[in-house]
Amino acid sequence: MNDHDITKEGIRVKPGQVWLDFDKRTNGGKRTVTVDRVVDGGAFVTTNGVTKANGKPYTSRLSVRRMHKGATGWALVSEAP
């Protein structure tokens, strides 16, 4: 991990954390994701509770820079176990 893995709010993004998406376009602002890994400022995540037609989960890469509170930002829901 490095400084690129720290949000504007000073939170170090780590595998196992659960984040809430504030973007109203994503399931009414109720989408949560779990961080799978963090590489050079990118958080690779799996969407919780939603799967593709083939049964596999949705995965995405989020910029750690965007992981902060705001209209289209993110909030940490729970730390890694």
PDB file of N, CA and C in Angstrom:
ATOM      1  N   MET A   1       0.838  -1.188   0.000  1.00  0.00           N
ATOM      2  CA  MET A   1       0.000   0.000   0.000  1.00  0.00           C
ATOM      3  C   MET A   1       0.881   1.247   0.000  1.00  0.00           C
ATOM      4  N   ASN A   2       0.305   2.326  -0.520  1.00  0.00           N
ATOM      5  CA  ASN A   2       1.034   3.586  -0.552  1.00  0.00           C
ATOM      6  C   ASN A   2       0.053   4.733  -0.350  1.00  0.00           C
ATOM      7  N   ASP A   3       0.535   5.959  -0.481  1.00  0.00           N
ATOM      8  CA  ASP A   3      -0.324   7.123  -0.258  1.00  0.00           C
ATOM      9  C   ASP A   3      -1.465   7.215  -1.265  1.00  0.00           C
ATOM     10  N   HIS A   4      -1.347   6.546  -2.399  1.00  0.00           N
ATOM     11  CA  HIS A   4      -2.423   6.548  -3.390  1.00  0.00           C
ATOM     12  C   HIS A   4      -3.618   5.727  -2.913  1.00  0.00           C
ATOM     13  N   ASP A   5      -3.430   4.985  -1.837  1.00  0.00           N
ATOM     14  CA  ASP A   5      -4.484   4.129  -1.305  1.00  0.00           C
ATOM     15  C   ASP A   5      -5.211   4.777  -0.128  1.00  0.00           C
ATOM     16  N   ILE A   6      -5.006   6.086   0.060  1.00  0.00           N
ATOM     17  CA  ILE A   6      -5.638   6.822   1.152  1.00  0.00           C
ATOM     18  C   ILE A   6      -6.614   7.836   0.557  1.00  0.00           C
ATOM     19  N   THR A   7      -7.850   7.858   1.073  1.00  0.00           N
ATOM     20  CA  THR A   7      -8.872   8.777   0.567  1.00  0.00           C
ATOM     21  C   THR A   7      -8.583  10.204   1.009  1.00  0.00           C
ATOM     22  N   LYS A   8      -9.342  11.151   0.446  1.00  0.00           N
ATOM     23  CA  LYS A   8      -9.225  12.559   0.845  1.00  0.00           C
ATOM     24  C   LYS A   8      -9.514  12.742   2.327  1.00  0.00           C
ATOM     25  N   GLU A   9     -10.316  11.833   2.891  1.00  0.00           N
ATOM     26  CA  GLU A   9     -10.685  11.915   4.306  1.00  0.00           C
ATOM     27  C   GLU A   9      -9.688  11.194   5.205  1.00  0.00           C
ATOM     28  N   GLY A  10      -8.616  10.677   4.610  1.00  0.00           N
ATOM     29  CA  GLY A  10      -7.568  10.037   5.392  1.00  0.00           C
ATOM     30  C   GLY A  10      -7.803   8.573   5.716  1.00  0.00           C
ATOM     31  N   ILE A  11      -8.731   7.936   5.018  1.00  0.00           N
ATOM     32  CA  ILE A  11      -9.027   6.520   5.254  1.00  0.00           C
ATOM     33  C   ILE A  11      -8.176   5.673   4.315  1.00  0.00           C
ATOM     34  N   ARG A  12      -7.438   4.730   4.879  1.00  0.00           N
ATOM     35  CA  ARG A  12      -6.664   3.807   4.049  1.00  0.00           C
ATOM     36  C   ARG A  12      -7.614   2.724   3.538  1.00  0.00           C
ATOM     37  N   VAL A  13      -7.728   2.606   2.228  1.00  0.00           N
ATOM     38  CA  VAL A  13      -8.611   1.616   1.610  1.00  0.00           C
ATOM     39  C   VAL A  13      -7.902   0.268   1.637  1.00  0.00           C
ATOM     40  N   LYS A  14      -8.616  -0.742   2.198  1.00  0.00           N
ATOM     41  CA  LYS A  14      -8.017  -2.064   2.389  1.00  0.00           C
ATOM     42  C   LYS A  14      -8.997  -3.154   1.967  1.00  0.00           C
ATOM     43  N   PRO A  15      -8.470  -4.307   1.567  1.00  0.00           N
ATOM     44  CA  PRO A  15      -9.341  -5.435   1.234  1.00  0.00           C
ATOM     45  C   PRO A  15     -10.244  -5.801   2.412  1.00  0.00           C
ATOM     46  N   GLY A  16     -11.501  -6.124   2.079  1.00  0.00           N
ATOM     47  CA  GLY A  16     -12.472  -6.523   3.089  1.00  0.00           C
ATOM     48  C   GLY A  16     -13.382  -5.400   3.548  1.00  0.00           C
ATOM     49  N   GLN A  17     -13.012  -4.152   3.282  1.00  0.00           N
ATOM     50  CA  GLN A  17     -13.872  -3.033   3.669  1.00  0.00           C
ATOM     51  C   GLN A  17     -15.132  -3.019   2.810  1.00  0.00           C
ATOM     52  N   VAL A  18     -16.230  -2.525   3.399  1.00  0.00           N
ATOM     53  CA  VAL A  18     -17.487  -2.354   2.670  1.00  0.00           C
ATOM     54  C   VAL A  18     -17.748  -0.859   2.546  1.00  0.00           C
ATOM     55  N   TRP A  19     -18.063  -0.422   1.320  1.00  0.00           N
ATOM     56  CA  TRP A  19     -18.304   0.993   1.023  1.00  0.00           C
ATOM     57  C   TRP A  19     -19.697   1.174   0.435  1.00  0.00           C
ATOM     58  N   LEU A  20     -20.341   2.293   0.776  1.00  0.00           N
ATOM     59  CA  LEU A  20     -21.663   2.656   0.272  1.00  0.00           C
ATOM     60  C   LEU A  20     -21.510   3.696  -0.830  1.00  0.00           C
ATOM     61  N   ASP A  21     -22.186   3.461  -1.952  1.00  0.00           N
ATOM     62  CA  ASP A  21     -22.167   4.375  -3.099  1.00  0.00           C
ATOM     63  C   ASP A  21     -23.293   5.391  -2.936  1.00  0.00           C
ATOM     64  N   PHE A  22     -22.964   6.687  -2.905  1.00  0.00           N
ATOM     65  CA  PHE A  22     -23.974   7.735  -2.753  1.00  0.00           C
ATOM     66  C   PHE A  22     -24.654   8.123  -4.056  1.00  0.00           C
ATOM     67  N   ASP A  23     -24.177   7.635  -5.177  1.00  0.00           N
ATOM     68  CA  ASP A  23     -24.739   8.009  -6.476  1.00  0.00           C
ATOM     69  C   ASP A  23     -26.174   7.495  -6.577  1.00  0.00           C
ATOM     70  N   LYS A  24     -27.120   8.393  -6.748  1.00  0.00           N
ATOM     71  CA  LYS A  24     -28.545   8.038  -6.781  1.00  0.00           C
ATOM     72  C   LYS A  24     -28.902   7.183  -7.996  1.00  0.00           C
ATOM     73  N   ARG A  25     -28.047   7.156  -8.993  1.00  0.00           N
ATOM     74  CA  ARG A  25     -28.320   6.340 -10.183  1.00  0.00           C
ATOM     75  C   ARG A  25     -28.087   4.857  -9.928  1.00  0.00           C
ATOM     76  N   THR A  26     -27.445   4.527  -8.821  1.00  0.00           N
ATOM     77  CA  THR A  26     -27.122   3.129  -8.529  1.00  0.00           C
ATOM     78  C   THR A  26     -28.020   2.596  -7.426  1.00  0.00           C
ATOM     79  N   ASN A  27     -29.134   2.033  -7.827  1.00  0.00           N
ATOM     80  CA  ASN A  27     -30.056   1.406  -6.875  1.00  0.00           C
ATOM     81  C   ASN A  27     -30.505   2.383  -5.794  1.00  0.00           C
ATOM     82  N   GLY A  28     -30.827   3.578  -6.200  1.00  0.00           N
ATOM     83  CA  GLY A  28     -31.317   4.565  -5.241  1.00  0.00           C
ATOM     84  C   GLY A  28     -30.283   4.998  -4.221  1.00  0.00           C
ATOM     85  N   GLY A  29     -29.016   4.888  -4.574  1.00  0.00           N
ATOM     86  CA  GLY A  29     -27.958   5.278  -3.653  1.00  0.00           C
ATOM     87  C   GLY A  29     -27.726   4.271  -2.544  1.00  0.00           C
ATOM     88  N   LYS A  30     -28.096   3.017  -2.789  1.00  0.00           N
ATOM     89  CA  LYS A  30     -27.965   1.996  -1.746  1.00  0.00           C
ATOM     90  C   LYS A  30     -27.010   0.873  -2.126  1.00  0.00           C
ATOM     91  N   ARG A  31     -26.247   1.049  -3.179  1.00  0.00           N
ATOM     92  CA  ARG A  31     -25.312   0.004  -3.595  1.00  0.00           C
ATOM     93  C   ARG A  31     -24.126  -0.034  -2.636  1.00  0.00           C
ATOM     94  N   THR A  32     -23.744  -1.229  -2.250  1.00  0.00           N
ATOM     95  CA  THR A  32     -22.522  -1.385  -1.468  1.00  0.00           C
ATOM     96  C   THR A  32     -21.571  -2.300  -2.222  1.00  0.00           C
ATOM     97  N   VAL A  33     -20.299  -2.079  -1.978  1.00  0.00           N
ATOM     98  CA  VAL A  33     -19.266  -2.901  -2.595  1.00  0.00           C
ATOM     99  C   VAL A  33     -18.282  -3.332  -1.523  1.00  0.00           C
ATOM    100  N   THR A  34     -17.626  -4.451  -1.773  1.00  0.00           N
ATOM    101  CA  THR A  34     -16.568  -4.936  -0.894  1.00  0.00           C
ATOM    102  C   THR A  34     -15.254  -4.847  -1.654  1.00  0.00           C
ATOM    103  N   VAL A  35     -14.240  -4.296  -1.005  1.00  0.00           N
ATOM    104  CA  VAL A  35     -12.926  -4.148  -1.627  1.00  0.00           C
ATOM    105  C   VAL A  35     -12.238  -5.512  -1.655  1.00  0.00           C
ATOM    106  N   ASP A  36     -11.819  -5.922  -2.857  1.00  0.00           N
ATOM    107  CA  ASP A  36     -11.104  -7.188  -3.022  1.00  0.00           C
ATOM    108  C   ASP A  36      -9.597  -6.984  -2.933  1.00  0.00           C
ATOM    109  N   ARG A  37      -9.118  -5.931  -3.591  1.00  0.00           N
ATOM    110  CA  ARG A  37      -7.693  -5.603  -3.539  1.00  0.00           C
ATOM    111  C   ARG A  37      -7.520  -4.144  -3.919  1.00  0.00           C
ATOM    112  N   VAL A  38      -6.361  -3.584  -3.567  1.00  0.00           N
ATOM    113  CA  VAL A  38      -6.052  -2.190  -3.874  1.00  0.00           C
ATOM    114  C   VAL A  38      -4.679  -2.162  -4.532  1.00  0.00           C
ATOM    115  N   VAL A  39      -4.625  -1.537  -5.719  1.00  0.00           N
ATOM    116  CA  VAL A  39      -3.373  -1.472  -6.468  1.00  0.00           C
ATOM    117  C   VAL A  39      -3.190  -0.062  -7.011  1.00  0.00           C
ATOM    118  N   ASP A  40      -2.142   0.616  -6.572  1.00  0.00           N
ATOM    119  CA  ASP A  40      -1.759   1.932  -7.102  1.00  0.00           C
ATOM    120  C   ASP A  40      -2.927   2.894  -7.280  1.00  0.00           C
ATOM    121  N   GLY A  41      -3.684   3.107  -6.232  1.00  0.00           N
ATOM    122  CA  GLY A  41      -4.769   4.079  -6.267  1.00  0.00           C
ATOM    123  C   GLY A  41      -6.065   3.565  -6.853  1.00  0.00           C
ATOM    124  N   GLY A  42      -6.124   2.289  -7.157  1.00  0.00           N
ATOM    125  CA  GLY A  42      -7.353   1.691  -7.680  1.00  0.00           C
ATOM    126  C   GLY A  42      -7.857   0.614  -6.746  1.00  0.00           C
ATOM    127  N   ALA A  43      -9.128   0.700  -6.385  1.00  0.00           N
ATOM    128  CA  ALA A  43      -9.743  -0.311  -5.522  1.00  0.00           C
ATOM    129  C   ALA A  43     -10.572  -1.240  -6.407  1.00  0.00           C
ATOM    130  N   PHE A  44     -10.211  -2.503  -6.433  1.00  0.00           N
ATOM    131  CA  PHE A  44     -10.964  -3.498  -7.186  1.00  0.00           C
ATOM    132  C   PHE A  44     -12.028  -4.045  -6.249  1.00  0.00           C
ATOM    133  N   VAL A  45     -13.299  -3.909  -6.652  1.00  0.00           N
ATOM    134  CA  VAL A  45     -14.416  -4.202  -5.754  1.00  0.00           C
ATOM    135  C   VAL A  45     -15.409  -5.167  -6.385  1.00  0.00           C
ATOM    136  N   THR A  46     -16.207  -5.795  -5.517  1.00  0.00           N
ATOM    137  CA  THR A  46     -17.317  -6.649  -5.927  1.00  0.00           C
ATOM    138  C   THR A  46     -18.593  -6.038  -5.371  1.00  0.00           C
ATOM    139  N   THR A  47     -19.609  -5.895  -6.233  1.00  0.00           N
ATOM    140  CA  THR A  47     -20.889  -5.345  -5.799  1.00  0.00           C
ATOM    141  C   THR A  47     -21.625  -6.372  -4.950  1.00  0.00           C
ATOM    142  N   ASN A  48     -22.139  -5.936  -3.810  1.00  0.00           N
ATOM    143  CA  ASN A  48     -22.829  -6.833  -2.880  1.00  0.00           C
ATOM    144  C   ASN A  48     -24.299  -6.993  -3.254  1.00  0.00           C
ATOM    145  N   GLY A  49     -24.783  -8.227  -3.220  1.00  0.00           N
ATOM    146  CA  GLY A  49     -26.201  -8.499  -3.396  1.00  0.00           C
ATOM    147  C   GLY A  49     -26.728  -8.441  -4.815  1.00  0.00           C
ATOM    148  N   VAL A  50     -25.854  -8.260  -5.801  1.00  0.00           N
ATOM    149  CA  VAL A  50     -26.297  -8.181  -7.190  1.00  0.00           C
ATOM    150  C   VAL A  50     -25.396  -9.076  -8.026  1.00  0.00           C
ATOM    151  N   THR A  51     -26.008  -9.877  -8.891  1.00  0.00           N
ATOM    152  CA  THR A  51     -25.216 -10.730  -9.771  1.00  0.00           C
ATOM    153  C   THR A  51     -25.666 -10.552 -11.217  1.00  0.00           C
ATOM    154  N   LYS A  52     -24.799 -10.940 -12.115  1.00  0.00           N
ATOM    155  CA  LYS A  52     -25.125 -10.931 -13.539  1.00  0.00           C
ATOM    156  C   LYS A  52     -26.063 -12.098 -13.827  1.00  0.00           C
ATOM    157  N   ALA A  53     -26.590 -12.145 -15.036  1.00  0.00           N
ATOM    158  CA  ALA A  53     -27.501 -13.224 -15.428  1.00  0.00           C
ATOM    159  C   ALA A  53     -26.841 -14.596 -15.292  1.00  0.00           C
ATOM    160  N   ASN A  54     -25.518 -14.644 -15.451  1.00  0.00           N
ATOM    161  CA  ASN A  54     -24.812 -15.925 -15.343  1.00  0.00           C
ATOM    162  C   ASN A  54     -24.484 -16.296 -13.898  1.00  0.00           C
ATOM    163  N   GLY A  55     -24.936 -15.472 -12.949  1.00  0.00           N
ATOM    164  CA  GLY A  55     -24.727 -15.764 -11.533  1.00  0.00           C
ATOM    165  C   GLY A  55     -23.433 -15.230 -10.949  1.00  0.00           C
ATOM    166  N   LYS A  56     -22.577 -14.661 -11.790  1.00  0.00           N
ATOM    167  CA  LYS A  56     -21.309 -14.120 -11.301  1.00  0.00           C
ATOM    168  C   LYS A  56     -21.514 -12.692 -10.800  1.00  0.00           C
ATOM    169  N   PRO A  57     -20.743 -12.279  -9.800  1.00  0.00           N
ATOM    170  CA  PRO A  57     -20.905 -10.919  -9.259  1.00  0.00           C
ATOM    171  C   PRO A  57     -20.337  -9.867 -10.206  1.00  0.00           C
ATOM    172  N   TYR A  58     -20.861  -8.652 -10.075  1.00  0.00           N
ATOM    173  CA  TYR A  58     -20.308  -7.519 -10.808  1.00  0.00           C
ATOM    174  C   TYR A  58     -19.024  -7.084 -10.118  1.00  0.00           C
ATOM    175  N   THR A  59     -18.009  -6.802 -10.899  1.00  0.00           N
ATOM    176  CA  THR A  59     -16.752  -6.297 -10.353  1.00  0.00           C
ATOM    177  C   THR A  59     -16.413  -4.990 -11.047  1.00  0.00           C
ATOM    178  N   SER A  60     -15.707  -4.125 -10.340  1.00  0.00           N
ATOM    179  CA  SER A  60     -15.336  -2.817 -10.876  1.00  0.00           C
ATOM    180  C   SER A  60     -14.002  -2.384 -10.298  1.00  0.00           C
ATOM    181  N   ARG A  61     -13.427  -1.370 -10.923  1.00  0.00           N
ATOM    182  CA  ARG A  61     -12.246  -0.711 -10.376  1.00  0.00           C
ATOM    183  C   ARG A  61     -12.649   0.723 -10.066  1.00  0.00           C
ATOM    184  N   LEU A  62     -12.459   1.135  -8.825  1.00  0.00           N
ATOM    185  CA  LEU A  62     -12.782   2.493  -8.401  1.00  0.00           C
ATOM    186  C   LEU A  62     -11.494   3.251  -8.123  1.00  0.00           C
ATOM    187  N   SER A  63     -11.496   4.513  -8.461  1.00  0.00           N
ATOM    188  CA  SER A  63     -10.372   5.363  -8.099  1.00  0.00           C
ATOM    189  C   SER A  63     -10.498   5.723  -6.622  1.00  0.00           C
ATOM    190  N   VAL A  64      -9.451   5.493  -5.860  1.00  0.00           N
ATOM    191  CA  VAL A  64      -9.469   5.833  -4.438  1.00  0.00           C
ATOM    192  C   VAL A  64      -9.723   7.332  -4.261  1.00  0.00           C
ATOM    193  N   ARG A  65      -9.290   8.150  -5.211  1.00  0.00           N
ATOM    194  CA  ARG A  65      -9.527   9.606  -5.139  1.00  0.00           C
ATOM    195  C   ARG A  65     -11.015   9.940  -5.076  1.00  0.00           C
ATOM    196  N   ARG A  66     -11.871   9.088  -5.664  1.00  0.00           N
ATOM    197  CA  ARG A  66     -13.321   9.332  -5.663  1.00  0.00           C
ATOM    198  C   ARG A  66     -14.011   8.780  -4.423  1.00  0.00           C
ATOM    199  N   MET A  67     -13.297   8.068  -3.599  1.00  0.00           N
ATOM    200  CA  MET A  67     -13.913   7.416  -2.446  1.00  0.00           C
ATOM    201  C   MET A  67     -13.944   8.373  -1.255  1.00  0.00           C
ATOM    202  N   HIS A  68     -14.868   9.342  -1.355  1.00  0.00           N
ATOM    203  CA  HIS A  68     -15.086  10.319  -0.290  1.00  0.00           C
ATOM    204  C   HIS A  68     -16.550  10.710  -0.322  1.00  0.00           C
ATOM    205  N   LYS A  69     -17.033  11.285   0.757  1.00  0.00           N
ATOM    206  CA  LYS A  69     -18.444  11.665   0.827  1.00  0.00           C
ATOM    207  C   LYS A  69     -18.724  12.793  -0.157  1.00  0.00           C
ATOM    208  N   GLY A  70     -19.894  12.741  -0.747  1.00  0.00           N
ATOM    209  CA  GLY A  70     -20.330  13.735  -1.720  1.00  0.00           C
ATOM    210  C   GLY A  70     -21.498  13.163  -2.494  1.00  0.00           C
ATOM    211  N   ALA A  71     -22.099  13.964  -3.355  1.00  0.00           N
ATOM    212  CA  ALA A  71     -23.290  13.534  -4.088  1.00  0.00           C
ATOM    213  C   ALA A  71     -23.050  12.271  -4.906  1.00  0.00           C
ATOM    214  N   THR A  72     -21.859  12.108  -5.432  1.00  0.00           N
ATOM    215  CA  THR A  72     -21.554  10.906  -6.210  1.00  0.00           C
ATOM    216  C   THR A  72     -20.373  10.154  -5.607  1.00  0.00           C
ATOM    217  N   GLY A  73     -20.151  10.347  -4.326  1.00  0.00           N
ATOM    218  CA  GLY A  73     -19.007   9.732  -3.664  1.00  0.00           C
ATOM    219  C   GLY A  73     -19.350   8.444  -2.939  1.00  0.00           C
ATOM    220  N   TRP A  74     -18.529   8.131  -1.969  1.00  0.00           N
ATOM    221  CA  TRP A  74     -18.607   6.872  -1.241  1.00  0.00           C
ATOM    222  C   TRP A  74     -18.404   7.106   0.247  1.00  0.00           C
ATOM    223  N   ALA A  75     -18.908   6.183   1.068  1.00  0.00           N
ATOM    224  CA  ALA A  75     -18.680   6.244   2.513  1.00  0.00           C
ATOM    225  C   ALA A  75     -18.322   4.851   3.008  1.00  0.00           C
ATOM    226  N   LEU A  76     -17.368   4.799   3.908  1.00  0.00           N
ATOM    227  CA  LEU A  76     -16.973   3.529   4.508  1.00  0.00           C
ATOM    228  C   LEU A  76     -18.082   3.062   5.444  1.00  0.00           C
ATOM    229  N   VAL A  77     -18.572   1.844   5.212  1.00  0.00           N
ATOM    230  CA  VAL A  77     -19.644   1.275   6.032  1.00  0.00           C
ATOM    231  C   VAL A  77     -19.058   0.391   7.126  1.00  0.00           C
ATOM    232  N   SER A  78     -18.096  -0.442   6.753  1.00  0.00           N
ATOM    233  CA  SER A  78     -17.472  -1.304   7.759  1.00  0.00           C
ATOM    234  C   SER A  78     -16.033  -1.614   7.370  1.00  0.00           C
ATOM    235  N   GLU A  79     -15.228  -1.770   8.399  1.00  0.00           N
ATOM    236  CA  GLU A  79     -13.820  -2.110   8.208  1.00  0.00           C
ATOM    237  C   GLU A  79     -13.685  -3.582   7.844  1.00  0.00           C
ATOM    238  N   ALA A  80     -12.516  -3.930   7.387  1.00  0.00           N
ATOM    239  CA  ALA A  80     -12.225  -5.325   7.063  1.00  0.00           C
ATOM    240  C   ALA A  80     -12.288  -6.165   8.331  1.00  0.00           C
ATOM    241  N   PRO A  81     -12.805  -7.390   8.212  1.00  0.00           N
ATOM    242  CA  PRO A  81     -12.887  -8.256   9.406  1.00  0.00           C
ATOM    243  C   PRO A  81     -11.511  -8.654   9.909  1.00  0.00           C
TER     244      PRO A  81
END
